[in-house]
Amino acid sequence: AGALVAGLAVAVVPIARQAGGAGAVLERYDTLYHLTALTHIRETGDGSSLTLNAVTSSTRAPSSYPAAFHDLAALVSGVDIPIVLNGSVLALAVAPWVVGLALLARTLFPQVQWAPPAVALVAAVIPASPLNLWIHLSPVPNLTGFAALTGALAGAVALWHALTGPVRARAGLDENASVSVLQPAPSPAVRDAPDGSADAAPVWPAAGAALGVVGLSGIGLTLMQPNVGVMALILIAVLTIVTGLPLRHTRRRLLAVPVLALLPVAVLTCTPLGDRVTGFSGGLQVPWWSALGEVGLGLLTVWPMALGTVIAVLWWPGLVSTLRGPLRWLPVAWIVVAVMYLDAAVDSPLNLSVLFFRGQDRIAIPLAMLSALLVVPGLQAWARLLRRSLPLGGPTVRGRAVVAVLVVLATLAALGSVPPRLDNAEKNLAAEYPGRGRFLQADELEAFARIAPELDPDRSILASPYSGAAHMYSLYGLNVHLPVAGTALTDQDRAAIAAVPYADRWTWRCRTLTEAGIGYIYQERQPYQYDPAFSAIEQGGEPLGTVLFETDHSRLIRIECDPTL
């Protein structure tokens, strides 16, 4: 327990230090969306996945977005929205990830007593964790969904092996090493079957029931983020096809399970149902040799650091050793996910990662999950190697010294990850960082806090969604016309933006602004990123009206043009 607490401290404390407080606002594109979505739910009471994406429209036109995380977080009332978001992500990214991986290790290695705490410790410190993905990119539904995937997968694996264990025994196959605590003893009806036929066990209905349970958990994961459900289906397909193929002569119908698991994946990939994801372009592209290095050395795109390579030294022997054993589905699953990661990293035309926005950062989390599990057989392989050359264990002084040295080296490796963790957290949490854009600056926060009570709540602020004004809806409850980066602009929005430079001179331009409900213009010379769609907002001058406040890089103007002349 002490080691796990220390591991969690290594992971959490650097982030907490750079945040400086529970209400820190992460400077990431997606964070703005999640802050706005939580504010919208608190304000309207509507947290439906069918309507949540209304926050991306100035007209609040309803559209779909997976809202399970936001609905859970919105249950917390009476607390500032940034604190709600930070606390919810911290809870849902850390606890399910660590506990779920420990449970998965217990399911896969029931005879290895040290497996659950060892895997939990690796889960806490592994660089490509949901917690670090939060600070790295802030795809909150993705990362919380992948954290929950660990426990769901543990249940699915346990149930599958409990159902197929008797069939494997009758088929004369080696019993799978991952027989869960749910594995039932063979019933008298099965043992006493006079012909010894496989038909004595009703495996097909049981397999259908298992698939139903997995499907229900998949629905929950899908409501978090559909591509988490997709990853769950892919892993279930690998599990069932690798373990089901040896049973094809006695239980051919078991092969229908992976087919049914992959059917929704194929539908989303090949039909318009997946257009929102499959039509996405962009993301980080790296050379093929760099992508191979990331996977092979454990330097995945989410916070690459030396500790990842140290952990890779532990899981590589596990990957090789389990390929020939009863747990071969685990390394096969690792290979499948690694290929998807490589596809995303090089933007391959095969589009194997198309349902994950072609983003290796998202796929890094399930790859890290499987890598953490492979540490167990990896440690066993290293122990066998060391026993042949060194007297590990026992009362010998030399054996105890070797173990002590290994523990010290592991501790130093974990502590050595603290400086890069601090630097990575600083990139997106500090007030300033070289080469990184910022939505918010301290001076504009103070200015908005001072002026907020004086603003007309019925008139909105028109500003680039990449400026600090976009956050004022979630921070101070102000009426912001475009509160989300990536807003789908309407014709009225474009007309209002185009009217800003001329509203002080042309009546109809002024009328365009007032009819859109816009009462204020916020101009920002240092936005998070430049978008030419909003450049006209910066061209309006003081003749528009009174300057309510001005900083070194921005100003807020109250529109006082006359639309009736």
Foldseek 3Di string as FASTA:
>chain_A
DVLLVVLLCLQVVLLCVLQVDLLFQWFAQVSLLLLQLLLVCLVPVDQDQQFSCLLLALVSGGHGDLRLLSVVLNVDPPDASSNSVSVSLVVLFQVLQLQLLLLLLCQQAVPDVCRSVQLSSCQSQQLLGLVLLCNQHNPRLLRSLLSNLSNLVSVLSQLVLLLCQVVCVLVVHPRFNRHHPSNDDDDPQQVVVPVSAPVSRPSVVSLVVSLVSSVVVLVVSVSSPVVSSLLSLVLSLLSQCVLVVVCCVRCVVSNVSNVVSCVVVVCLQPDCVVCVQLVFDDEAADDLVVLVCCLQQQQFPRLGDNLSNVLSLQLVQLLVVCCPHSNVSLNVSLVLLSVLLSCLHHVPPVCPVSSVSSYSSSSSHVNSSSSSSSSVVSVVVVVVVCVVPFVADDDDPRNVVVVVVVVVVNVCSSNVCSVSSSVSSNLGRPQDDPPFAGQDHPVVVVLCVVCVVVDDQQAEEEEQCQHVVLSCCSRPVHHHSRNHPVRDDDPLNLLLLQLQQCVLPDLVSVVSRVVSRHFKQKAFQGGRDDDVSNVSSNNHDPSQADFSDDDPGMTMGGGDHHNPD
